[in-house]
Amino acid sequence: MYTKALMMCALQRWGIKTQYVKTAEECAELIKECMKAMEGAENLPKLAEEIADVEIMCMQMRVVLGANESMIDAFIFKKLSRLEQIIAAEEERENKKKEG
């Protein structure tokens, strides 16, 4: 779907510092749309667009990390494992409440 070459072109054209700022800006725009959705706004297309923007910037940040990109994957694995544990614990508590 994307190529590292395209991400590298963006980084070379605008520079890493500029893309750090752009990443933060895109995250802020996603936060704004999430807050609107929490307030009941029907902003699904805009929310999807901002998610896409953030994911594209994250792809560029992966290129910035280069050889250390596996560090991201390791953190993702660790955090997903933790999320799985949290969900399982909450489900267990809910089941005990229902039984008790």
Protein backbone atom coordinates (compact mmCIF):
# COMPACT_ATOMS: atom_id res chain seq x y z
CA MET A 1 0.00 0.00 0.00
CA TYR A 2 2.81 2.41 0.77
CA THR A 3 6.49 2.30 0.13
CA LYS A 4 9.33 3.36 2.36
CA ALA A 5 10.64 5.19 -0.70
CA LEU A 6 7.57 7.45 -0.69
CA MET A 7 7.96 8.13 3.03
CA MET A 8 11.66 8.90 2.51
CA CYS A 9 10.78 11.32 -0.31
CA ALA A 10 8.45 13.20 2.04
CA LEU A 11 11.12 13.32 4.75
CA GLN A 12 13.77 14.51 2.31
CA ARG A 13 11.49 17.15 0.79
CA TRP A 14 10.29 18.73 4.04
CA GLY A 15 12.89 17.56 6.55
CA ILE A 16 12.62 15.45 9.65
CA LYS A 17 11.99 18.36 12.04
CA THR A 18 9.11 19.62 9.91
CA GLN A 19 7.63 16.13 9.79
CA TYR A 20 7.88 15.82 13.59
CA VAL A 21 5.78 18.98 13.81
CA LYS A 22 3.38 17.69 11.15
CA THR A 23 3.00 14.45 13.09
CA ALA A 24 2.08 16.38 16.23
CA GLU A 25 -0.37 18.55 14.27
CA GLU A 26 -2.08 15.51 12.77
CA CYS A 27 -2.34 13.91 16.21
CA ALA A 28 -3.95 17.10 17.53
CA GLU A 29 -6.47 17.09 14.69
CA LEU A 30 -7.34 13.46 15.48
CA ILE A 31 -7.77 14.38 19.15
CA LYS A 32 -10.16 17.15 18.13
CA GLU A 33 -12.27 14.80 16.03
CA CYS A 34 -12.31 12.18 18.80
CA MET A 35 -13.59 14.80 21.24
CA LYS A 36 -16.30 15.84 18.78
CA ALA A 37 -17.35 12.20 18.40
CA MET A 38 -17.53 11.83 22.19
CA GLU A 39 -19.86 14.83 22.26
CA GLY A 40 -22.15 13.10 19.76
CA ALA A 41 -21.04 14.67 16.50
CA GLU A 42 -21.60 12.57 13.40
CA ASN A 43 -18.10 13.08 12.07
CA LEU A 44 -17.16 9.59 10.90
CA PRO A 45 -15.67 10.70 7.54
CA LYS A 46 -13.55 13.41 9.20
CA LEU A 47 -12.50 11.02 11.97
CA ALA A 48 -11.46 8.43 9.36
CA GLU A 49 -9.51 11.09 7.45
CA GLU A 50 -7.61 12.16 10.57
CA ILE A 51 -6.82 8.54 11.45
CA ALA A 52 -5.40 8.13 7.94
CA ASP A 53 -3.30 11.28 8.33
CA VAL A 54 -1.89 10.09 11.65
CA GLU A 55 -1.12 6.64 10.26
CA ILE A 56 0.75 8.19 7.30
CA MET A 57 2.81 10.34 9.64
CA CYS A 58 3.51 7.28 11.81
CA MET A 59 4.80 5.52 8.70
CA GLN A 60 7.21 8.41 8.21
CA MET A 61 8.29 8.21 11.84
CA ARG A 62 9.04 4.50 11.34
CA VAL A 63 11.38 5.50 8.50
CA VAL A 64 13.00 8.07 10.78
CA LEU A 65 13.72 5.31 13.32
CA GLY A 66 15.22 3.17 10.56
CA ALA A 67 17.07 0.22 12.03
CA ASN A 68 15.34 0.87 15.35
CA GLU A 69 11.92 0.34 13.78
CA SER A 70 11.71 -3.07 15.45
CA MET A 71 11.58 -1.17 18.75
CA ILE A 72 8.11 0.08 17.73
CA ASP A 73 6.95 -3.43 16.96
CA ALA A 74 8.27 -4.66 20.31
CA PHE A 75 6.34 -1.93 22.14
CA ILE A 76 3.20 -2.71 20.11
CA PHE A 77 3.46 -6.39 21.05
CA LYS A 78 4.03 -5.53 24.72
CA LYS A 79 1.13 -3.07 24.83
CA LEU A 80 -1.26 -5.40 22.98
CA SER A 81 -0.37 -8.20 25.38
CA ARG A 82 -1.10 -5.88 28.30
CA LEU A 83 -4.41 -4.81 26.73
CA GLU A 84 -5.37 -8.46 26.36
CA GLN A 85 -4.60 -9.06 30.05
CA ILE A 86 -6.64 -6.03 31.13
CA ILE A 87 -9.65 -7.10 29.07
CA ALA A 88 -9.45 -10.66 30.40
CA ALA A 89 -9.25 -9.39 34.01
CA GLU A 90 -12.22 -7.08 33.53
CA GLU A 91 -14.26 -9.87 31.94
CA GLU A 92 -13.40 -12.14 34.86
CA ARG A 93 -14.53 -9.47 37.36
CA GLU A 94 -17.79 -8.97 35.44
CA ASN A 95 -18.45 -12.73 35.38
CA LYS A 96 -17.83 -12.99 39.13
CA LYS A 97 -20.31 -10.13 39.75
CA LYS A 98 -22.93 -11.91 37.66
CA GLU A 99 -22.35 -15.18 39.52
CA GLY A 100 -22.18 -13.57 42.96
